[in-house]
Amino acid sequence: MATYEFPPMLIDAQNEPDQVRADLRTLFERVPWSVEPMDAWETHENAWRPASRPASPGWDPEDAAEIARLRARELELAEVLVCRPYWTEFAPGDVLAARDALKHHHEQKPADASV
């Protein structure tokens, strides 16, 4: 398996989305089911798949702002990971393997490690 010397900025950008997604997941578990205030609802008694939701007061403005910030950060990180000029150093057929190696960089043995 090939080893790569990834720029620290790419490694940081690869590591951060996990934390961003965990923060989003925590927020989504805490906020009401609806962004805007909504009345309670339920499907009719003969519905193929019965479902219901309680009334929702909507999201708190601070929670909505934090969710928007985290979603924007997730997109920024995706752009960094995909669009950096670093990837132009590779032959087109090798980019996929290099990007996959970045995803698993924490499993890669250091280049100077003794066997």
Protein backbone atom coordinates (compact mmCIF):
# COMPACT_ATOMS: atom_id res chain seq x y z
CA MET A 1 0.00 0.00 0.00
CA ALA A 2 1.34 3.43 -0.93
CA THR A 3 2.04 5.98 1.77
CA TYR A 4 1.50 9.69 1.30
CA GLU A 5 2.82 12.86 2.88
CA PHE A 6 -0.39 14.84 3.27
CA PRO A 7 -0.22 18.53 4.10
CA PRO A 8 -1.26 19.14 7.72
CA MET A 9 -4.10 21.37 6.51
CA LEU A 10 -5.64 18.42 4.61
CA ILE A 11 -5.27 16.10 7.59
CA ASP A 12 -6.97 18.67 9.83
CA ALA A 13 -9.74 19.11 7.26
CA GLN A 14 -10.21 15.34 7.14
CA ASN A 15 -10.44 15.03 10.92
CA GLU A 16 -12.79 17.93 11.61
CA PRO A 17 -15.96 16.73 9.81
CA ASP A 18 -16.43 13.93 12.33
CA GLN A 19 -16.61 16.48 15.15
CA VAL A 20 -18.86 18.80 13.13
CA ARG A 21 -21.26 15.94 12.41
CA ALA A 22 -21.24 14.86 16.06
CA ASP A 23 -22.07 18.44 17.11
CA LEU A 24 -24.90 18.54 14.55
CA ARG A 25 -26.25 15.20 15.74
CA THR A 26 -26.28 16.47 19.34
CA LEU A 27 -28.14 19.62 18.30
CA PHE A 28 -30.66 17.71 16.18
CA GLU A 29 -31.42 15.43 19.13
CA ARG A 30 -32.12 18.47 21.31
CA VAL A 31 -34.14 20.75 19.02
CA PRO A 32 -37.83 20.21 18.21
CA TRP A 33 -38.67 18.18 15.10
CA SER A 34 -39.78 21.24 13.11
CA VAL A 35 -37.75 24.34 12.31
CA GLU A 36 -40.90 26.48 12.28
CA PRO A 37 -43.75 26.21 14.79
CA MET A 38 -46.11 23.42 13.70
CA ASP A 39 -49.27 21.88 15.04
CA ALA A 40 -49.35 18.27 16.13
CA TRP A 41 -50.41 15.78 13.46
CA GLU A 42 -51.08 12.12 12.88
CA THR A 43 -51.99 9.95 9.93
CA HIS A 44 -55.55 8.66 9.54
CA GLU A 45 -56.53 5.35 11.12
CA ASN A 46 -56.26 3.37 7.85
CA ALA A 47 -52.84 4.66 6.91
CA TRP A 48 -50.41 2.13 5.51
CA ARG A 49 -47.81 3.33 7.99
CA PRO A 50 -49.24 5.21 10.95
CA ALA A 51 -47.19 8.18 12.10
CA SER A 52 -47.60 11.20 14.33
CA ARG A 53 -45.71 14.20 15.67
CA PRO A 54 -46.35 16.35 18.71
CA ALA A 55 -46.76 20.11 18.37
CA SER A 56 -43.45 21.85 17.76
CA PRO A 57 -42.59 25.33 19.02
CA GLY A 58 -39.92 25.61 16.31
CA TRP A 59 -36.20 26.05 16.72
CA ASP A 60 -34.69 28.62 19.01
CA PRO A 61 -32.90 31.31 16.94
CA GLU A 62 -29.56 30.51 18.61
CA ASP A 63 -29.92 26.80 17.78
CA ALA A 64 -30.89 27.62 14.20
CA ALA A 65 -27.83 29.87 13.86
CA GLU A 66 -25.53 27.20 15.30
CA ILE A 67 -26.95 24.54 12.98
CA ALA A 68 -26.48 26.87 10.00
CA ARG A 69 -22.89 27.57 11.10
CA LEU A 70 -22.08 23.87 11.45
CA ARG A 71 -23.64 23.01 8.09
CA ALA A 72 -21.64 25.81 6.44
CA ARG A 73 -18.46 24.52 8.10
CA GLU A 74 -19.19 21.01 6.83
CA LEU A 75 -19.44 22.38 3.28
CA GLU A 76 -16.23 24.40 3.68
CA LEU A 77 -14.38 21.29 4.79
CA ALA A 78 -15.75 19.29 1.87
CA GLU A 79 -14.49 21.98 -0.49
CA VAL A 80 -11.05 21.91 1.12
CA LEU A 81 -10.89 18.13 0.85
CA VAL A 82 -11.99 17.96 -2.78
CA CYS A 83 -10.77 21.14 -4.45
CA ARG A 84 -7.23 21.69 -3.13
CA PRO A 85 -4.48 22.07 -5.74
CA TYR A 86 -2.63 19.28 -3.87
CA TRP A 87 -4.63 16.70 -5.82
CA THR A 88 -3.25 17.99 -9.15
CA GLU A 89 0.12 16.48 -8.17
CA PHE A 90 -1.33 13.04 -8.83
CA ALA A 91 -2.04 11.30 -12.11
CA PRO A 92 -5.81 11.23 -12.68
CA GLY A 93 -5.92 7.49 -12.05
CA ASP A 94 -4.14 7.88 -8.69
CA VAL A 95 -6.29 10.60 -7.14
CA LEU A 96 -8.94 8.21 -5.87
CA ALA A 97 -6.38 6.04 -4.06
CA ALA A 98 -4.73 9.11 -2.54
CA ARG A 99 -8.05 10.54 -1.34
CA ASP A 100 -8.97 7.18 0.13
CA ALA A 101 -5.59 7.08 1.91
CA LEU A 102 -6.35 10.50 3.37
CA LYS A 103 -9.61 9.16 4.81
CA HIS A 104 -7.59 6.43 6.52
CA HIS A 105 -4.47 8.50 7.28
CA HIS A 106 -4.66 7.64 10.98
CA GLU A 107 -4.10 3.96 10.07
CA GLN A 108 -1.03 4.76 7.94
CA LYS A 109 2.34 3.90 9.49
CA PRO A 110 4.84 6.77 9.56
CA ALA A 111 7.33 6.64 6.70
CA ASP A 112 10.29 6.39 9.12
CA ALA A 113 8.79 3.58 11.27
CA SER A 114 10.94 0.49 11.64
CA VAL A 115 9.43 -2.88 10.78
